Amino acid sequence: MEEKLREHWFDRMVTPEKAVHCFVGNVAARPKTFLLLGLFYPQRDVVENFQESLFDL
């Protein structure tokens, strides 16, 4: 099971060829806590602007 999840996430979705976008949200009762609601991972060549890493300056 773990191998199937790893394959799906790291071999298909989160690869250097993809521009990964995270959809996050929070719950009113916990405004400082965020949840991952979804991912959008198109090919980089179809996305006009993307961030190379989480902490690019």
N, C-alpha and C. Protein backbone atom coordinates (compact mmCIF):
# COMPACT_ATOMS: atom_id res chain seq x y z
N MET A 1 0.82 -1.20 0.00
CA MET A 1 0.00 0.00 0.00
C MET A 1 0.87 1.27 0.00
N GLU A 2 1.89 1.30 0.87
CA GLU A 2 2.76 2.47 0.94
C GLU A 2 3.47 2.70 -0.39
N GLU A 3 3.89 1.63 -1.04
CA GLU A 3 4.57 1.77 -2.32
C GLU A 3 3.64 2.35 -3.39
N LYS A 4 2.39 1.95 -3.38
CA LYS A 4 1.42 2.49 -4.34
C LYS A 4 1.21 3.99 -4.13
N LEU A 5 1.10 4.41 -2.87
CA LEU A 5 0.96 5.83 -2.57
C LEU A 5 2.20 6.61 -2.98
N ARG A 6 3.35 6.09 -2.66
CA ARG A 6 4.62 6.74 -3.02
C ARG A 6 4.73 6.86 -4.55
N GLU A 7 4.37 5.80 -5.25
CA GLU A 7 4.43 5.85 -6.71
C GLU A 7 3.49 6.92 -7.26
N HIS A 8 2.27 6.95 -6.73
CA HIS A 8 1.28 7.93 -7.21
C HIS A 8 1.74 9.36 -6.94
N TRP A 9 2.22 9.63 -5.73
CA TRP A 9 2.63 11.00 -5.37
C TRP A 9 3.94 11.41 -6.01
N PHE A 10 4.97 10.60 -5.89
CA PHE A 10 6.30 11.03 -6.29
C PHE A 10 6.67 10.66 -7.73
N ASP A 11 6.05 9.69 -8.30
CA ASP A 11 6.38 9.31 -9.68
C ASP A 11 5.42 9.91 -10.69
N ARG A 12 4.22 10.31 -10.27
CA ARG A 12 3.24 10.87 -11.20
C ARG A 12 2.92 12.33 -10.94
N MET A 13 2.75 12.70 -9.68
CA MET A 13 2.24 14.03 -9.36
C MET A 13 3.33 15.05 -9.07
N VAL A 14 4.25 14.73 -8.21
CA VAL A 14 5.28 15.68 -7.77
C VAL A 14 6.60 15.31 -8.45
N THR A 15 6.75 15.77 -9.68
CA THR A 15 7.96 15.51 -10.45
C THR A 15 8.51 16.82 -10.98
N PRO A 16 9.75 16.86 -11.41
CA PRO A 16 10.32 18.11 -11.94
C PRO A 16 9.59 18.63 -13.18
N GLU A 17 8.88 17.76 -13.89
CA GLU A 17 8.15 18.19 -15.08
C GLU A 17 6.80 18.84 -14.77
N LYS A 18 6.37 18.75 -13.53
CA LYS A 18 5.05 19.26 -13.14
C LYS A 18 5.19 20.57 -12.36
N ALA A 19 4.20 21.43 -12.50
CA ALA A 19 4.09 22.65 -11.70
C ALA A 19 3.00 22.39 -10.67
N VAL A 20 3.38 22.04 -9.46
CA VAL A 20 2.43 21.61 -8.44
C VAL A 20 1.86 22.82 -7.71
N HIS A 21 0.53 22.88 -7.64
CA HIS A 21 -0.17 23.94 -6.92
C HIS A 21 -0.99 23.27 -5.81
N CYS A 22 -0.88 23.78 -4.59
CA CYS A 22 -1.63 23.23 -3.46
C CYS A 22 -2.82 24.12 -3.15
N PHE A 23 -3.98 23.52 -2.96
CA PHE A 23 -5.16 24.22 -2.50
C PHE A 23 -5.27 23.95 -1.00
N VAL A 24 -5.21 24.99 -0.19
CA VAL A 24 -5.27 24.84 1.25
C VAL A 24 -6.45 25.63 1.80
N GLY A 25 -6.89 25.25 2.97
CA GLY A 25 -7.98 25.94 3.63
C GLY A 25 -7.89 25.71 5.12
N ASN A 26 -8.72 26.41 5.85
CA ASN A 26 -8.74 26.22 7.30
C ASN A 26 -10.18 26.14 7.79
N VAL A 27 -10.33 25.84 9.05
CA VAL A 27 -11.63 25.72 9.69
C VAL A 27 -11.79 26.92 10.61
N ALA A 28 -12.95 27.50 10.67
CA ALA A 28 -13.18 28.70 11.47
C ALA A 28 -12.79 28.49 12.93
N ALA A 29 -12.98 27.31 13.46
CA ALA A 29 -12.64 27.04 14.85
C ALA A 29 -11.13 27.01 15.09
N ARG A 30 -10.35 26.79 14.05
CA ARG A 30 -8.89 26.73 14.15
C ARG A 30 -8.26 27.54 13.02
N PRO A 31 -8.30 28.87 13.13
CA PRO A 31 -7.87 29.72 12.02
C PRO A 31 -6.38 29.66 11.71
N LYS A 32 -5.55 29.14 12.60
CA LYS A 32 -4.11 29.05 12.34
C LYS A 32 -3.69 27.68 11.82
N THR A 33 -4.62 26.77 11.66
CA THR A 33 -4.34 25.42 11.18
C THR A 33 -4.87 25.29 9.75
N PHE A 34 -4.02 24.83 8.85
CA PHE A 34 -4.42 24.69 7.46
C PHE A 34 -4.43 23.23 7.05
N LEU A 35 -5.32 22.90 6.13
CA LEU A 35 -5.46 21.55 5.60
C LEU A 35 -5.17 21.56 4.11
N LEU A 36 -4.54 20.51 3.62
CA LEU A 36 -4.35 20.36 2.19
C LEU A 36 -5.66 19.83 1.61
N LEU A 37 -6.29 20.63 0.76
CA LEU A 37 -7.59 20.27 0.20
C LEU A 37 -7.46 19.62 -1.18
N GLY A 38 -6.39 19.96 -1.88
CA GLY A 38 -6.23 19.37 -3.20
C GLY A 38 -4.94 19.81 -3.85
N LEU A 39 -4.59 19.14 -4.94
CA LEU A 39 -3.41 19.46 -5.73
C LEU A 39 -3.82 19.61 -7.18
N PHE A 40 -3.15 20.54 -7.84
CA PHE A 40 -3.28 20.72 -9.27
C PHE A 40 -1.87 20.63 -9.81
N TYR A 41 -1.60 19.72 -10.73
CA TYR A 41 -0.23 19.47 -11.16
C TYR A 41 -0.11 19.36 -12.68
N PRO A 42 -0.30 20.49 -13.39
CA PRO A 42 -0.15 20.46 -14.85
C PRO A 42 1.32 20.39 -15.25
N GLN A 43 1.57 20.10 -16.51
CA GLN A 43 2.93 20.12 -17.04
C GLN A 43 3.46 21.55 -16.94
N ARG A 44 4.74 21.72 -16.63
CA ARG A 44 5.34 23.05 -16.50
C ARG A 44 5.26 23.86 -17.78
N ASP A 45 5.30 23.21 -18.92
CA ASP A 45 5.31 23.96 -20.17
C ASP A 45 3.96 24.60 -20.51
N VAL A 46 2.89 24.26 -19.79
CA VAL A 46 1.60 24.90 -20.04
C VAL A 46 1.26 25.96 -18.99
N VAL A 47 2.13 26.11 -17.99
CA VAL A 47 1.90 27.09 -16.93
C VAL A 47 2.79 28.30 -17.18
N GLU A 48 2.21 29.49 -17.17
CA GLU A 48 2.97 30.69 -17.46
C GLU A 48 3.92 31.07 -16.32
N ASN A 49 3.45 31.05 -15.09
CA ASN A 49 4.26 31.42 -13.93
C ASN A 49 4.24 30.29 -12.91
N PHE A 50 5.42 29.95 -12.41
CA PHE A 50 5.48 28.96 -11.34
C PHE A 50 6.69 29.26 -10.47
N GLN A 51 6.63 28.80 -9.24
CA GLN A 51 7.67 29.02 -8.25
C GLN A 51 8.58 27.80 -8.24
N GLU A 52 9.90 28.01 -8.34
CA GLU A 52 10.83 26.88 -8.39
C GLU A 52 10.83 26.05 -7.11
N SER A 53 10.76 26.70 -5.96
CA SER A 53 10.72 25.97 -4.70
C SER A 53 9.87 26.74 -3.70
N LEU A 54 9.62 26.15 -2.57
CA LEU A 54 8.75 26.78 -1.58
C LEU A 54 9.34 28.07 -1.04
N PHE A 55 10.67 28.16 -0.97
CA PHE A 55 11.30 29.31 -0.32
C PHE A 55 12.11 30.19 -1.29
N ASP A 56 11.72 30.26 -2.54
CA ASP A 56 12.39 31.16 -3.47
C ASP A 56 12.23 32.61 -3.02
N LEU A 57 13.31 33.38 -3.15
CA LEU A 57 13.24 34.80 -2.81
C LEU A 57 13.42 35.63 -4.05
